[in-house]
Every structure is written in C-alpha cells, then in structure tokens.
Amino acid sequence: MERRGNFIDGEYDGLREWFDRNGQLRERGNWIDGEFDGLYERFYENGQLEMRGNYQYGKPEGLFEWLDENGRLTETKTYRNGGLVK
C-alpha cells in the first residue's frame, strides 16, 4: 500500500492517504501531532465509501457510519471520549 502525507518533527501531521497497488484510494484521515484528529474514511476496492467517522486526539468521537458496497447504510455507532455510547 502506498501512503501519502506529511511529517512534522517525525510525526504524521495533516491529511494522510493510503492507496492500493492499483492506485485506488483505500483510506484517508487527518492527523495532528501523530494522532488521528478529524474525519477518517475507508473505501471499498470499487471506490465506494465503506466507513466514516471522526477522531479527536486519537480517539473516536461522535457518529461512525458503515455502508455496504452499494452505498447503503448498514450500521452506526456513537462514541464519546473514545468510548462506545450506542
């Protein structure tokens, strides 16, 4: 898998993207000071969104959604301070 992103003082910082060997985007997320912070998305091989959710200081925060390969919502989970709420 190819990775693209920035390093600042030896840590990931800013947008980071992962591509499969065919050049298809598979994951995308924002990093601050070496931790996930902000929107994170994962994609199926066909390019369709598989999952999305937000991180705050490296922990899941808020609504996370999972979709099938046709884009239909299949599951949701809500996190607060890194812990599963529902």
Protein backbone atom coordinates (compact mmCIF):
# COMPACT_ATOMS: atom_id res chain seq x y z
CA MET A 1 0.00 0.00 0.00
CA GLU A 2 1.30 3.45 -0.90
CA ARG A 3 0.96 6.20 1.68
CA ARG A 4 0.96 9.94 1.14
CA GLY A 5 1.13 12.55 3.84
CA ASN A 6 3.22 14.99 5.80
CA PHE A 7 5.66 14.57 8.63
CA ILE A 8 6.44 17.35 11.07
CA ASP A 9 9.09 16.69 13.71
CA GLY A 10 8.93 12.97 12.92
CA GLU A 11 5.14 12.63 13.33
CA TYR A 12 2.26 12.49 10.89
CA ASP A 13 0.54 15.84 10.54
CA GLY A 14 -2.23 16.83 8.15
CA LEU A 15 -4.05 14.76 5.56
CA ARG A 16 -2.76 11.20 5.11
CA GLU A 17 -3.97 8.91 2.33
CA TRP A 18 -3.43 5.20 1.63
CA PHE A 19 -3.68 3.78 -1.90
CA ASP A 20 -3.74 0.15 -3.02
CA ARG A 21 -1.31 -1.20 -5.63
CA ASN A 22 -3.75 -0.17 -8.40
CA GLY A 23 -3.72 3.45 -7.24
CA GLN A 24 -7.24 3.30 -5.74
CA LEU A 25 -7.75 5.37 -2.60
CA ARG A 26 -8.46 2.99 0.30
CA GLU A 27 -8.18 5.19 3.42
CA ARG A 28 -8.00 8.89 4.19
CA GLY A 29 -7.64 10.67 7.51
CA ASN A 30 -6.33 13.75 9.20
CA TRP A 31 -3.51 13.66 11.74
CA ILE A 32 -2.34 16.19 14.28
CA ASP A 33 0.85 15.61 16.26
CA GLY A 34 0.95 11.92 15.27
CA GLU A 35 -2.68 11.10 16.18
CA PHE A 36 -5.86 10.79 14.17
CA ASP A 37 -7.82 14.00 14.55
CA GLY A 38 -10.78 14.81 12.34
CA LEU A 39 -12.56 12.88 9.64
CA TYR A 40 -11.42 9.33 8.82
CA GLU A 41 -12.78 7.47 5.78
CA ARG A 42 -12.21 3.94 4.45
CA PHE A 43 -13.17 2.83 0.92
CA TYR A 44 -14.01 -0.44 -0.84
CA GLU A 45 -11.98 -1.61 -3.84
CA ASN A 46 -14.74 -0.22 -6.10
CA GLY A 47 -14.16 3.27 -4.64
CA GLN A 48 -17.42 3.32 -2.67
CA LEU A 49 -17.27 4.66 0.88
CA GLU A 50 -17.12 1.79 3.40
CA MET A 51 -16.86 3.67 6.71
CA ARG A 52 -16.52 7.19 8.07
CA GLY A 53 -16.16 8.75 11.47
CA ASN A 54 -14.38 11.45 13.41
CA TYR A 55 -11.47 11.26 15.79
CA GLN A 56 -10.45 13.71 18.45
CA TYR A 57 -6.95 13.44 19.95
CA GLY A 58 -6.61 9.89 18.60
CA LYS A 59 -9.94 8.62 19.98
CA PRO A 60 -13.21 8.00 18.15
CA GLU A 61 -15.72 10.80 18.73
CA GLY A 62 -19.30 11.19 17.54
CA LEU A 63 -21.14 9.24 14.87
CA PHE A 64 -19.42 6.46 12.89
CA GLU A 65 -21.19 5.01 9.85
CA TRP A 66 -20.64 1.80 7.87
CA LEU A 67 -22.01 1.33 4.36
CA ASP A 68 -22.26 -1.63 2.03
CA GLU A 69 -20.59 -1.71 -1.40
CA ASN A 70 -23.69 -0.10 -2.93
CA GLY A 71 -23.60 2.88 -0.57
CA ARG A 72 -26.44 1.76 1.72
CA LEU A 73 -26.04 2.49 5.41
CA THR A 74 -25.67 -0.79 7.34
CA GLU A 75 -24.50 0.21 10.82
CA THR A 76 -23.95 3.24 13.03
CA LYS A 77 -22.14 3.66 16.33
CA THR A 78 -21.72 6.71 18.51
CA TYR A 79 -18.60 7.40 20.57
CA ARG A 80 -17.88 9.91 23.30
CA ASN A 81 -14.38 10.47 24.67
CA GLY A 82 -13.22 7.29 22.90
CA GLY A 83 -15.91 5.07 24.45
CA LEU A 84 -18.85 3.46 22.70
CA VAL A 85 -22.15 5.14 23.67
CA LYS A 86 -24.52 3.22 21.36
